[in-house]
Protein backbone atom coordinates (compact mmCIF):
# COMPACT_ATOMS: atom_id res chain seq x y z
CA UNK A 1 7.46 -106.30 -112.25
CA UNK A 2 10.97 -106.66 -110.85
CA UNK A 3 13.56 -103.99 -111.67
CA UNK A 4 17.07 -104.46 -110.26
CA UNK A 5 20.48 -103.11 -111.09
CA UNK A 6 23.34 -105.48 -111.89
CA UNK A 7 26.46 -105.33 -109.73
CA UNK A 8 28.55 -103.57 -112.39
CA UNK A 9 26.25 -100.50 -112.26
CA UNK A 10 25.89 -100.55 -116.05
CA UNK A 11 22.97 -102.93 -116.64
CA UNK A 12 19.42 -103.46 -115.45
CA UNK A 13 17.63 -106.75 -114.78
CA UNK A 14 13.85 -106.90 -115.27
CA UNK A 15 11.47 -109.84 -114.93
CA UNK A 16 7.75 -110.46 -115.32
CA UNK A 17 5.41 -113.38 -116.08
CA UNK A 18 3.32 -114.32 -119.07
CA UNK A 19 0.68 -116.98 -118.41
CA UNK A 20 2.55 -117.85 -115.23
CA UNK A 21 5.86 -118.39 -117.03
CA UNK A 22 8.71 -116.18 -115.91
CA UNK A 23 10.35 -113.90 -118.48
CA UNK A 24 13.44 -111.82 -117.90
CA UNK A 25 16.05 -109.74 -119.61
CA UNK A 26 19.24 -107.85 -118.83
CA UNK A 27 19.80 -104.62 -120.74
CA UNK A 28 22.62 -102.05 -120.76
CA UNK A 29 21.63 -98.63 -119.48
CA UNK A 30 24.02 -95.69 -119.28
CA UNK A 31 23.90 -93.81 -115.96
CA UNK A 32 23.69 -90.02 -116.21
CA UNK A 33 22.57 -86.76 -114.63
CA UNK A 34 22.23 -83.16 -115.85
CA UNK A 35 24.47 -80.10 -115.61
CA UNK A 36 24.32 -76.55 -117.06
CA UNK A 37 25.45 -76.37 -120.68
CA UNK A 38 28.49 -74.22 -119.80
CA UNK A 39 29.99 -76.93 -117.55
CA UNK A 40 32.74 -78.81 -119.45
CA UNK A 41 34.83 -80.88 -117.08
CA UNK A 42 36.71 -83.58 -118.98
CA UNK A 43 37.42 -86.35 -116.45
CA UNK A 44 36.55 -87.60 -112.99
CA UNK A 45 38.15 -89.98 -110.49
CA UNK A 46 35.76 -92.58 -109.04
CA UNK A 47 38.64 -93.88 -106.91
CA UNK A 48 42.13 -92.82 -105.91
CA UNK A 49 43.87 -94.71 -108.71
CA UNK A 50 41.26 -94.57 -111.46
CA UNK A 51 40.36 -91.77 -113.87
CA UNK A 52 37.47 -91.79 -116.35
CA UNK A 53 36.06 -89.46 -118.96
CA UNK A 54 32.71 -87.68 -118.89
CA UNK A 55 30.52 -88.00 -121.98
CA UNK A 56 28.12 -85.12 -122.71
CA UNK A 57 24.89 -85.07 -124.71
CA UNK A 58 23.02 -81.96 -125.80
CA UNK A 59 19.23 -81.91 -125.87
CA UNK A 60 16.12 -79.93 -125.07
CA UNK A 61 16.64 -80.07 -121.32
CA UNK A 62 16.23 -77.15 -118.92
CA UNK A 63 15.74 -76.29 -115.27
CA UNK A 64 12.71 -74.58 -113.73
CA UNK A 65 13.99 -71.16 -114.83
CA UNK A 66 14.28 -72.28 -118.44
CA UNK A 67 18.10 -72.33 -118.37
CA UNK A 68 19.48 -75.01 -120.72
CA UNK A 69 21.01 -78.21 -119.39
CA UNK A 70 22.83 -81.18 -120.90
CA UNK A 71 23.24 -84.81 -119.96
CA UNK A 72 26.52 -86.01 -118.54
CA UNK A 73 27.16 -89.76 -118.67
CA UNK A 74 29.43 -91.73 -116.36
CA UNK A 75 30.66 -95.29 -116.78
CA UNK A 76 28.95 -96.87 -113.76
CA UNK A 77 26.06 -95.83 -111.53
CA UNK A 78 28.45 -96.17 -108.59
CA UNK A 79 30.51 -93.31 -110.06
CA UNK A 80 27.77 -90.68 -109.73
CA UNK A 81 28.29 -90.00 -106.04
CA UNK A 82 31.81 -88.65 -106.59
CA UNK A 83 31.35 -87.43 -110.15
CA UNK A 84 28.57 -84.99 -109.26
CA UNK A 85 30.78 -83.25 -106.71
CA UNK A 86 33.01 -81.98 -109.52
CA UNK A 87 30.27 -79.68 -110.80
CA UNK A 88 28.98 -76.47 -109.27
CA UNK A 89 25.40 -77.34 -110.12
CA UNK A 90 23.74 -80.67 -110.94
CA UNK A 91 20.23 -81.92 -111.60
CA UNK A 92 18.74 -85.34 -110.80
CA UNK A 93 22.11 -86.70 -109.69
CA UNK A 94 20.41 -88.16 -106.60
CA UNK A 95 17.99 -90.33 -108.58
CA UNK A 96 18.69 -94.05 -107.92
CA UNK A 97 19.93 -95.86 -111.01
CA UNK A 98 17.00 -98.28 -111.29
CA UNK A 99 14.52 -95.41 -110.71
CA UNK A 100 16.16 -93.58 -113.62
CA UNK A 101 15.76 -96.64 -115.83
CA UNK A 102 12.09 -97.02 -114.93
CA UNK A 103 11.33 -93.37 -115.78
CA UNK A 104 13.16 -93.50 -119.10
CA UNK A 105 12.30 -96.99 -120.33
CA UNK A 106 9.17 -98.38 -118.65
CA UNK A 107 5.99 -97.20 -120.37
CA UNK A 108 3.63 -99.91 -119.16
CA UNK A 109 3.78 -102.59 -116.48
CA UNK A 110 2.04 -105.89 -117.23
CA UNK A 111 -0.53 -107.05 -114.70
CA UNK A 112 0.00 -110.66 -113.67
CA UNK A 113 -0.09 -112.89 -110.61
CA UNK A 114 3.27 -112.78 -108.88
CA UNK A 115 4.62 -115.99 -107.42
CA UNK A 116 4.91 -115.27 -103.70
CA UNK A 117 6.70 -117.14 -100.95
CA UNK A 118 5.50 -116.37 -97.43
CA UNK A 119 8.22 -117.55 -95.10
CA UNK A 120 9.55 -117.56 -91.56
CA UNK A 121 12.26 -119.31 -89.64
CA UNK A 122 13.31 -119.99 -86.05
CA UNK A 123 16.80 -120.10 -84.56
CA UNK A 124 18.36 -120.90 -81.22
CA UNK A 125 19.34 -118.16 -78.81
CA UNK A 126 21.87 -119.40 -76.30
CA UNK A 127 23.08 -122.87 -75.55
CA UNK A 128 25.15 -125.33 -77.55
CA UNK A 129 23.50 -124.45 -80.85
CA UNK A 130 23.36 -120.69 -80.38
CA UNK A 131 22.37 -118.85 -83.59
CA UNK A 132 21.68 -122.07 -85.51
CA UNK A 133 18.59 -121.92 -87.70
CA UNK A 134 16.40 -124.81 -86.61
CA UNK A 135 13.40 -124.74 -88.95
CA UNK A 136 12.14 -122.81 -91.98
CA UNK A 137 8.58 -122.69 -93.30
CA UNK A 138 7.45 -121.36 -96.69
CA UNK A 139 4.10 -121.15 -98.45
CA UNK A 140 4.00 -121.00 -102.26
CA UNK A 141 0.91 -119.21 -103.57
CA UNK A 142 1.23 -120.94 -106.96
CA UNK A 143 1.33 -124.48 -105.57
CA UNK A 144 -0.94 -123.62 -102.59
CA UNK A 145 1.44 -125.69 -100.51
CA UNK A 146 3.27 -125.29 -97.20
CA UNK A 147 6.86 -126.52 -97.06
CA UNK A 148 8.82 -127.00 -93.85
CA UNK A 149 12.48 -127.76 -93.31
CA UNK A 150 14.01 -128.85 -90.00
CA UNK A 151 17.23 -130.42 -88.78
CA UNK A 152 18.20 -132.30 -85.62
CA UNK A 153 21.63 -133.15 -84.20
CA UNK A 154 20.21 -136.59 -83.40
CA UNK A 155 17.39 -138.51 -85.07
CA UNK A 156 13.94 -137.54 -83.79
CA UNK A 157 10.68 -139.08 -84.92
CA UNK A 158 7.93 -136.60 -85.87
CA UNK A 159 4.51 -137.06 -87.44
CA UNK A 160 4.57 -133.68 -89.14
CA UNK A 161 5.12 -133.40 -92.88
CA UNK A 162 8.64 -131.93 -92.96
CA UNK A 163 11.91 -132.21 -94.82
CA UNK A 164 14.18 -133.53 -92.05
CA UNK A 165 17.98 -133.17 -92.14
CA UNK A 166 20.89 -134.11 -89.94
CA UNK A 167 22.65 -130.74 -90.21
CA UNK A 168 21.81 -127.08 -90.52
CA UNK A 169 23.93 -126.83 -93.67
CA UNK A 170 22.00 -129.58 -95.45
CA UNK A 171 18.73 -127.90 -94.47
CA UNK A 172 19.78 -124.50 -95.80
CA UNK A 173 21.07 -125.98 -99.04
CA UNK A 174 17.72 -127.71 -99.57
CA UNK A 175 15.85 -124.48 -98.81
CA UNK A 176 17.98 -122.53 -101.31
CA UNK A 177 17.64 -125.23 -103.98
CA UNK A 178 13.86 -125.31 -103.58
CA UNK A 179 13.76 -121.54 -103.94
CA UNK A 180 15.77 -121.79 -107.13
CA UNK A 181 13.45 -124.50 -108.45
CA UNK A 182 10.20 -122.65 -107.65
CA UNK A 183 11.72 -119.25 -108.52
CA UNK A 184 9.36 -116.98 -106.54
CA UNK A 185 9.10 -113.32 -107.54
CA UNK A 186 8.47 -112.08 -104.01
CA UNK A 187 9.56 -113.19 -100.52
CA UNK A 188 7.15 -112.03 -97.81
CA UNK A 189 8.00 -112.18 -94.10
CA UNK A 190 7.16 -110.38 -90.85
CA UNK A 191 10.07 -108.06 -90.01
CA UNK A 192 11.97 -110.20 -92.49
CA UNK A 193 14.33 -107.46 -93.63
CA UNK A 194 15.32 -106.67 -90.07
CA UNK A 195 15.72 -110.16 -88.65
CA UNK A 196 15.18 -113.22 -90.88
CA UNK A 197 17.08 -112.26 -94.04
CA UNK A 198 20.22 -110.96 -92.28
CA UNK A 199 20.33 -114.04 -90.06
CA UNK A 200 19.80 -116.36 -93.02
CA UNK A 201 22.71 -114.77 -94.88
CA UNK A 202 24.89 -114.76 -91.78
CA UNK A 203 24.36 -118.46 -91.11
CA UNK A 204 24.78 -119.45 -94.76
CA UNK A 205 28.16 -117.70 -94.87
CA UNK A 206 29.20 -119.26 -91.57
CA UNK A 207 28.42 -122.70 -93.02
CA UNK A 208 30.29 -122.10 -96.28
CA UNK A 209 27.18 -121.57 -98.42
CA UNK A 210 27.10 -118.66 -100.86
CA UNK A 211 23.72 -116.92 -100.32
CA UNK A 212 24.08 -115.19 -103.67
CA UNK A 213 22.90 -118.36 -105.40
CA UNK A 214 19.29 -117.41 -104.56
CA UNK A 215 19.59 -114.16 -106.53
CA UNK A 216 18.83 -114.16 -110.27
CA UNK A 217 21.50 -111.47 -110.59
CA UNK A 218 23.98 -113.21 -108.22
CA UNK A 219 23.75 -110.24 -105.87
CA UNK A 220 22.96 -110.13 -102.15
CA UNK A 221 23.77 -106.94 -100.26
CA UNK A 222 26.51 -107.42 -97.69
CA UNK A 223 27.70 -110.80 -98.98
CA UNK A 224 31.24 -111.02 -100.31
CA UNK A 225 33.71 -113.73 -101.20
CA UNK A 226 36.74 -114.09 -98.95
CA UNK A 227 39.76 -116.32 -98.72
CA UNK A 228 37.99 -118.54 -96.24
CA UNK A 229 34.63 -118.65 -98.04
CA UNK A 230 31.95 -116.02 -97.73
CA UNK A 231 31.28 -113.15 -95.35
CA UNK A 232 28.18 -111.14 -94.52
CA UNK A 233 28.48 -107.71 -92.92
CA UNK A 234 25.50 -105.43 -92.93
CA UNK A 235 25.33 -104.07 -89.38
CA UNK A 236 23.37 -105.27 -86.40
CA UNK A 237 20.17 -103.46 -87.41
CA UNK A 238 19.61 -105.48 -90.55
CA UNK A 239 18.22 -104.06 -93.77
CA UNK A 240 15.81 -101.14 -93.95
CA UNK A 241 12.11 -102.09 -94.24
CA UNK A 242 11.98 -101.15 -97.94
CA UNK A 243 15.46 -102.32 -98.95
CA UNK A 244 15.75 -104.94 -101.67
CA UNK A 245 18.81 -106.99 -100.64
CA UNK A 246 18.31 -109.87 -103.10
CA UNK A 247 18.91 -108.79 -106.67
CA UNK A 248 16.10 -109.98 -108.93
CA UNK A 249 13.66 -110.91 -106.14
CA UNK A 250 11.29 -108.59 -104.31
CA UNK A 251 11.42 -108.76 -100.52
CA UNK A 252 8.46 -107.40 -98.57
CA UNK A 253 8.31 -106.86 -94.83
CA UNK A 254 4.60 -107.51 -94.39
CA UNK A 255 4.57 -105.66 -91.08
CA UNK A 256 5.36 -102.40 -92.91
CA UNK A 257 2.74 -102.99 -95.62
CA UNK A 258 0.11 -103.89 -93.04
CA UNK A 259 0.92 -100.88 -90.85
CA UNK A 260 0.63 -98.49 -93.82
CA UNK A 261 -2.73 -99.97 -94.76
CA UNK A 262 -3.96 -99.86 -91.16
CA UNK A 263 -3.00 -96.19 -90.83
CA UNK A 264 -4.65 -95.37 -94.17
CA UNK A 265 -7.90 -96.82 -92.87
CA UNK A 266 -7.72 -94.41 -89.88
CA UNK A 267 -8.36 -97.14 -87.32
CA UNK A 268 -5.96 -95.63 -84.80
CA UNK A 269 -2.35 -96.44 -83.92
CA UNK A 270 -1.48 -100.05 -83.22
CA UNK A 271 0.22 -100.38 -79.80
CA UNK A 272 2.23 -103.32 -81.11
CA UNK A 273 3.23 -104.73 -84.49
CA UNK A 274 4.07 -108.18 -83.19
CA UNK A 275 2.55 -110.95 -85.29
CA UNK A 276 0.84 -112.26 -82.17
CA UNK A 277 -0.87 -108.93 -81.43
CA UNK A 278 -1.87 -108.23 -85.04
CA UNK A 279 -3.39 -111.69 -85.51
CA UNK A 280 -5.30 -111.32 -82.24
CA UNK A 281 -6.60 -107.93 -83.39
CA UNK A 282 -7.65 -109.14 -86.84
CA UNK A 283 -8.83 -112.67 -86.18
CA UNK A 284 -9.36 -112.89 -82.44
CA UNK A 285 -6.73 -115.59 -82.22
CA UNK A 286 -2.98 -115.66 -81.93
CA UNK A 287 -0.25 -118.12 -82.69
CA UNK A 288 0.33 -119.51 -79.18
CA UNK A 289 0.26 -123.29 -79.02
CA UNK A 290 0.13 -125.21 -75.76
CA UNK A 291 3.57 -126.45 -74.78
CA UNK A 292 5.05 -128.08 -71.73
CA UNK A 293 7.29 -125.00 -71.52
CA UNK A 294 5.02 -122.22 -70.26
CA UNK A 295 7.79 -119.63 -70.15
CA UNK A 296 8.22 -118.12 -73.63
CA UNK A 297 12.01 -117.84 -73.42
CA UNK A 298 12.35 -121.39 -72.17
CA UNK A 299 10.13 -122.57 -75.03
CA UNK A 300 12.46 -121.06 -77.63
CA UNK A 301 15.54 -122.43 -75.89
CA UNK A 302 14.34 -126.02 -75.41
CA UNK A 303 11.23 -126.87 -77.43
CA UNK A 304 13.13 -127.59 -80.67
CA UNK A 305 14.52 -130.82 -79.20
CA UNK A 306 12.25 -131.39 -76.19
CA UNK A 307 8.76 -130.46 -77.46
CA UNK A 308 9.42 -130.83 -81.15
CA UNK A 309 5.96 -131.21 -82.64
CA UNK A 310 4.62 -128.13 -80.84
CA UNK A 311 7.73 -126.18 -81.83
CA UNK A 312 7.36 -127.10 -85.51
CA UNK A 313 3.64 -126.41 -85.47
CA UNK A 314 4.34 -123.02 -83.89
CA UNK A 315 6.62 -122.14 -86.82
CA UNK A 316 4.04 -123.37 -89.32
CA UNK A 317 1.28 -121.26 -87.74
CA UNK A 318 3.45 -118.15 -88.12
CA UNK A 319 3.44 -118.56 -91.90
CA UNK A 320 -0.24 -119.48 -91.97
CA UNK A 321 -0.94 -116.15 -90.27
CA UNK A 322 1.21 -114.28 -92.80
CA UNK A 323 -0.81 -115.78 -95.64
CA UNK A 324 -4.09 -115.03 -93.89
CA UNK A 325 -3.17 -111.42 -93.10
CA UNK A 326 -2.06 -110.71 -96.65
CA UNK A 327 -4.84 -112.55 -98.46
CA UNK A 328 -7.60 -110.97 -96.33
CA UNK A 329 -6.15 -107.45 -96.38
CA UNK A 330 -4.45 -107.51 -99.82
CA UNK A 331 -1.38 -105.74 -98.39
CA UNK A 332 1.11 -106.87 -101.03
CA UNK A 333 -1.36 -106.42 -103.88
CA UNK A 334 -2.03 -102.83 -102.80
CA UNK A 335 1.67 -102.00 -103.19
CA UNK A 336 1.80 -103.77 -106.55
CA UNK A 337 -1.16 -101.65 -107.69
CA UNK A 338 0.78 -98.52 -106.74
CA UNK A 339 3.83 -99.86 -108.57
CA UNK A 340 1.82 -100.30 -111.77
CA UNK A 341 0.34 -96.82 -111.40
CA UNK A 342 3.79 -95.24 -110.98
CA UNK A 343 5.53 -97.63 -113.40
CA UNK A 344 8.33 -97.72 -110.87
CA UNK A 345 10.56 -100.19 -109.03
CA UNK A 346 8.88 -101.87 -106.06
CA UNK A 347 11.02 -100.06 -103.48
CA UNK A 348 9.85 -96.68 -104.85
CA UNK A 349 6.31 -97.31 -103.58
CA UNK A 350 6.69 -96.59 -99.87
CA UNK A 351 8.05 -93.09 -99.24
CA UNK A 352 6.57 -89.83 -100.53
CA UNK A 353 9.91 -88.57 -101.87
CA UNK A 354 10.35 -91.70 -104.01
CA UNK A 355 6.79 -91.78 -105.32
CA UNK A 356 6.73 -88.07 -106.04
CA UNK A 357 10.11 -87.87 -107.72
CA UNK A 358 9.18 -90.61 -110.19
CA UNK A 359 5.75 -89.14 -110.89
CA UNK A 360 7.07 -85.61 -111.46
CA UNK A 361 10.09 -86.71 -113.48
CA UNK A 362 7.62 -88.33 -115.84
CA UNK A 363 5.40 -85.25 -116.08
CA UNK A 364 7.49 -82.11 -115.56
CA UNK A 365 8.97 -80.18 -118.48
CA UNK A 366 12.02 -79.21 -116.40
CA UNK A 367 14.66 -81.02 -114.37
CA UNK A 368 14.75 -80.75 -110.59
CA UNK A 369 18.01 -79.84 -108.85
CA UNK A 370 19.93 -82.52 -107.03
CA UNK A 371 18.85 -82.69 -103.40
CA UNK A 372 21.05 -81.26 -100.67
CA UNK A 373 20.45 -82.56 -97.15
CA UNK A 374 22.88 -79.99 -95.69
CA UNK A 375 20.86 -76.89 -96.56
CA UNK A 376 19.62 -74.62 -93.79
CA UNK A 377 16.01 -75.45 -92.95
CA UNK A 378 13.36 -72.73 -93.15
CA UNK A 379 10.54 -72.67 -90.63
CA UNK A 380 6.92 -72.19 -91.65
CA UNK A 381 3.53 -72.63 -89.99
CA UNK A 382 1.80 -75.96 -90.33
CA UNK A 383 -1.69 -77.16 -89.50
CA UNK A 384 -4.34 -75.61 -87.27
CA UNK A 385 -3.98 -75.91 -83.49
CA UNK A 386 -7.46 -75.91 -82.04
CA UNK A 387 -7.70 -75.28 -78.27
CA UNK A 388 -11.20 -75.94 -76.89
CA UNK A 389 -10.39 -73.95 -73.75
CA UNK A 390 -9.38 -70.75 -75.53
CA UNK A 391 -12.31 -71.10 -77.93
CA UNK A 392 -14.65 -71.94 -75.03
CA UNK A 393 -16.10 -74.94 -76.84
CA UNK A 394 -15.46 -77.54 -74.14
CA UNK A 395 -18.41 -79.34 -72.59
CA UNK A 396 -21.43 -81.28 -73.77
CA UNK A 397 -22.85 -80.45 -77.21
CA UNK A 398 -26.06 -81.84 -78.70
CA UNK A 399 -27.12 -82.03 -82.36
CA UNK A 400 -23.55 -81.96 -83.58
CA UNK A 401 -22.87 -82.06 -87.34
CA UNK A 402 -19.56 -83.26 -88.78
CA UNK A 403 -17.81 -81.36 -91.57
CA UNK A 404 -14.81 -82.53 -93.54
CA UNK A 405 -12.86 -81.45 -96.62
CA UNK A 406 -12.26 -84.06 -99.28
CA UNK A 407 -8.47 -84.07 -99.63
CA UNK A 408 -7.78 -80.72 -97.95
CA UNK A 409 -4.17 -80.19 -99.03
CA UNK A 410 -4.65 -81.40 -102.64
CA UNK A 411 -7.75 -79.19 -102.85
CA UNK A 412 -5.70 -76.18 -101.78
CA UNK A 413 -3.15 -76.91 -104.52
CA UNK A 414 -5.97 -76.71 -107.05
CA UNK A 415 -7.77 -73.71 -105.53
CA UNK A 416 -4.70 -71.46 -105.54
CA UNK A 417 -2.87 -73.05 -108.51
CA UNK A 418 0.07 -73.74 -106.19
CA UNK A 419 3.00 -75.16 -108.14
CA UNK A 420 6.71 -74.61 -108.73
CA UNK A 421 6.33 -72.84 -112.07
CA UNK A 422 3.25 -70.75 -111.16
CA UNK A 423 4.84 -68.61 -108.43
CA UNK A 424 4.31 -64.95 -109.29
CA UNK A 425 6.35 -61.91 -108.32
CA UNK A 426 3.33 -59.75 -109.12
CA UNK A 427 0.09 -59.73 -107.07
CA UNK A 428 -2.67 -61.97 -108.49
CA UNK A 429 -6.09 -63.16 -107.43
CA UNK A 430 -4.50 -66.38 -106.16
CA UNK A 431 -3.07 -64.78 -103.05
CA UNK A 432 -2.00 -66.67 -99.91
CA UNK A 433 -1.26 -65.06 -96.57
CA UNK A 434 1.25 -67.49 -95.09
CA UNK A 435 0.86 -65.67 -91.75
CA UNK A 436 -2.75 -66.83 -91.42
CA UNK A 437 -3.11 -67.73 -87.70
CA UNK A 438 -3.09 -71.35 -86.60
CA UNK A 439 -6.12 -70.72 -84.39
CA UNK A 440 -9.25 -68.56 -84.71
CA UNK A 441 -7.62 -65.33 -83.59
CA UNK A 442 -7.63 -62.09 -85.61
CA UNK A 443 -5.29 -61.78 -88.58
CA UNK A 444 -2.66 -59.27 -87.49
CA UNK A 445 0.13 -59.89 -90.00
CA UNK A 446 0.22 -60.39 -93.76
CA UNK A 447 3.01 -62.12 -95.63
CA UNK A 448 1.65 -62.68 -99.11
CA UNK A 449 2.62 -65.18 -101.78
CA UNK A 450 1.00 -65.11 -105.23
CA UNK A 451 0.37 -67.66 -107.97
CA UNK A 452 -0.30 -67.14 -111.66
CA UNK A 453 -3.80 -67.45 -113.09
CA UNK A 454 -3.08 -67.92 -116.80
CA UNK A 455 -2.13 -71.62 -116.88
CA UNK A 456 -2.73 -74.60 -114.62
CA UNK A 457 0.45 -75.68 -112.84
CA UNK A 458 1.97 -79.14 -112.73
CA UNK A 459 1.00 -79.82 -109.12
CA UNK A 460 -2.75 -78.97 -109.40
CA UNK A 461 -2.89 -80.59 -112.85
CA UNK A 462 -1.51 -83.79 -111.41
CA UNK A 463 -4.06 -83.71 -108.59
CA UNK A 464 -6.95 -83.18 -111.01
CA UNK A 465 -5.80 -85.97 -113.30
CA UNK A 466 -5.40 -88.36 -110.39
CA UNK A 467 -8.77 -87.38 -108.93
CA UNK A 468 -10.41 -88.25 -112.23
CA UNK A 469 -8.52 -91.54 -112.37
CA UNK A 470 -9.54 -92.38 -108.81
CA UNK A 471 -13.18 -91.64 -109.58
CA UNK A 472 -12.97 -94.04 -112.53
CA UNK A 473 -11.53 -96.74 -110.29
CA UNK A 474 -14.19 -96.14 -107.63
CA UNK A 475 -16.90 -96.41 -110.31
CA UNK A 476 -15.43 -99.74 -111.47
CA UNK A 477 -15.17 -100.84 -107.85
CA UNK A 478 -18.86 -100.09 -107.32
CA UNK A 479 -19.83 -101.93 -110.51
CA UNK A 480 -17.76 -104.94 -109.45
CA UNK A 481 -19.48 -105.03 -106.08
CA UNK A 482 -22.94 -104.81 -107.66
CA UNK A 483 -22.24 -107.44 -110.34
CA UNK A 484 -20.10 -109.62 -108.06
CA UNK A 485 -17.62 -110.18 -110.90
CA UNK A 486 -14.69 -110.80 -108.56
CA UNK A 487 -12.77 -107.62 -109.42
CA UNK A 488 -13.88 -105.48 -106.47
CA UNK A 489 -10.58 -105.81 -104.58
CA UNK A 490 -8.57 -105.03 -107.70
CA UNK A 491 -10.31 -101.68 -108.21
CA UNK A 492 -10.24 -100.95 -104.49
CA UNK A 493 -6.48 -101.40 -104.49
CA UNK A 494 -6.13 -99.21 -107.58
CA UNK A 495 -8.14 -96.32 -106.13
CA UNK A 496 -6.19 -96.56 -102.86
CA UNK A 497 -2.94 -96.43 -104.83
CA UNK A 498 -4.08 -93.17 -106.42
CA UNK A 499 -5.07 -91.81 -103.02
CA UNK A 500 -1.65 -92.63 -101.55
CA UNK A 501 0.11 -90.95 -104.48
CA UNK A 502 -1.96 -87.76 -104.15
CA UNK A 503 -1.39 -87.73 -100.40
CA UNK A 504 2.36 -87.83 -100.99
CA UNK A 505 2.46 -84.53 -102.88
CA UNK A 506 2.53 -82.25 -99.85
CA UNK A 507 5.24 -84.36 -98.22
CA UNK A 508 7.34 -83.95 -101.35
CA UNK A 509 7.29 -80.16 -101.42
CA UNK A 510 7.76 -79.99 -97.63
CA UNK A 511 10.77 -82.35 -97.54
CA UNK A 512 13.53 -79.75 -97.31
CA UNK A 513 16.79 -80.84 -98.88
CA UNK A 514 14.96 -82.88 -101.51
CA UNK A 515 15.21 -81.76 -105.13
CA UNK A 516 11.46 -81.18 -105.53
CA UNK A 517 11.06 -79.42 -102.18
CA UNK A 518 9.87 -75.81 -102.07
CA UNK A 519 9.12 -74.16 -98.72
CA UNK A 520 7.01 -71.45 -100.41
CA UNK A 521 4.71 -74.11 -101.81
CA UNK A 522 4.54 -76.00 -98.51
CA UNK A 523 3.78 -72.81 -96.57
CA UNK A 524 1.14 -71.79 -99.13
CA UNK A 525 -0.61 -75.16 -98.90
CA UNK A 526 -0.78 -75.19 -95.11
CA UNK A 527 -1.80 -71.51 -94.92
CA UNK A 528 -4.56 -72.02 -97.49
CA UNK A 529 -5.79 -75.01 -95.48
CA UNK A 530 -5.85 -72.94 -92.29
CA UNK A 531 -7.77 -70.23 -94.11
CA UNK A 532 -10.32 -72.75 -95.39
CA UNK A 533 -10.84 -74.24 -91.93
CA UNK A 534 -11.19 -70.78 -90.37
CA UNK A 535 -13.78 -69.71 -92.96
CA UNK A 536 -15.83 -72.86 -92.35
CA UNK A 537 -15.63 -72.36 -88.59
CA UNK A 538 -16.66 -68.70 -88.79
CA UNK A 539 -19.62 -69.66 -91.01
CA UNK A 540 -20.62 -72.32 -88.48
CA UNK A 541 -20.50 -69.76 -85.67
CA UNK A 542 -22.84 -67.50 -87.61
CA UNK A 543 -25.35 -70.35 -87.56
CA UNK A 544 -25.36 -70.65 -83.76
CA UNK A 545 -28.77 -70.24 -82.21
């Protein structure tokens, strides 16, 4: 499902498909955050010459300490940044506008096949046509068809099946018009947010084409109208890997999705994320085609006009590899599974702070304070540091048994009932010594934190609920594999989405400056994990013969 804010900061665009047919709607949604009930500021100034009124709403809202809060509405989501600074204390004022809408209004996300465009383009670097886009390739997963656009300054005969144009402008206009006609939900490229999209917008503006026409909400980040046409200014580094620059269309940098999936599978760190290297690693073949230009740089400078068929085939193979990587590894579908689990915007499904904030806003009975990146960081001990030399375990060992905890940090949250609302000022049985050593040395210091035993906290409750859900998905995955009913990958993606969400919980509480962060919880989780590892190691040493 696509969830985007409209440029006025007062409305939300959503789209989905029913039986392959695209449905959409634009709805008004008032932006707001929370403040203590005794705060009563009347107006705010979103700009130097503009003054607007706050609108308050009472309700059963409170912070972690049970102190009552109220909603404060502003006119536009763009106003929140300055409006929140007028209050001494705010809650959830750092929640992105479309995240807020998803939490409040989205109860279920329909499951459907998204229309995806895998795409890539080439452009000249140096020479007479420096920066000109030469060819674009797209694959439409609905039509199962590859489309290729190319232009030449002079007529060139080619046997390849391409749309051929006499100018770059005509080519780009055709590409944009075809996108509007096919109306894909998702654009998938390799490092597309960093390179391809910014360059596409830059060239369109330079040629007098408004790139905003490809957006269902008429919004492309960095594109503005000017007296002389259109301008694009978004820095030399391009967009962030998770940024959604085209309103109403999802953009996915497949390199990021693939890297996350590769790391999750614990297959080691990839030395390169180039499409050439990844395709060689996965398929034992790359994208290199034999050309009369052996030097790579010379190929990109000259092959467009001097070795045209190889050049165009090279661009086509790039997109073929994108399709193959995604359809064999289900990278995009894995993120969509996580999106449906969270019931969140697509760009909320990458970072722990985004995933966690949405999940806990849906499930907590209190409101988290607005994050503050300028707070002073507190140090605490992290994971174990095992030194084979100091422990005298180096050398050859025979008959070795492996031991592993299933979800060590989430298990510690459950074991000690570690959560925001369960911290106890009085000693309890759920005691954590956050000074537990990071090696196997003697415990010499005690710095105790305690957690209540009367009621299960939000954090362990969430872990238990998600564990049960993951087990259900794994059971369905197993049944699908045994019955060969074609749904194995669906349930695999769903159980991995749950795993990723659970794994994000520690990162949330450890992310200092974030509204849901709590150093006491983070220190308790890592200390409990060290204690568990030490106990297992000591037990293993008792078994030595």
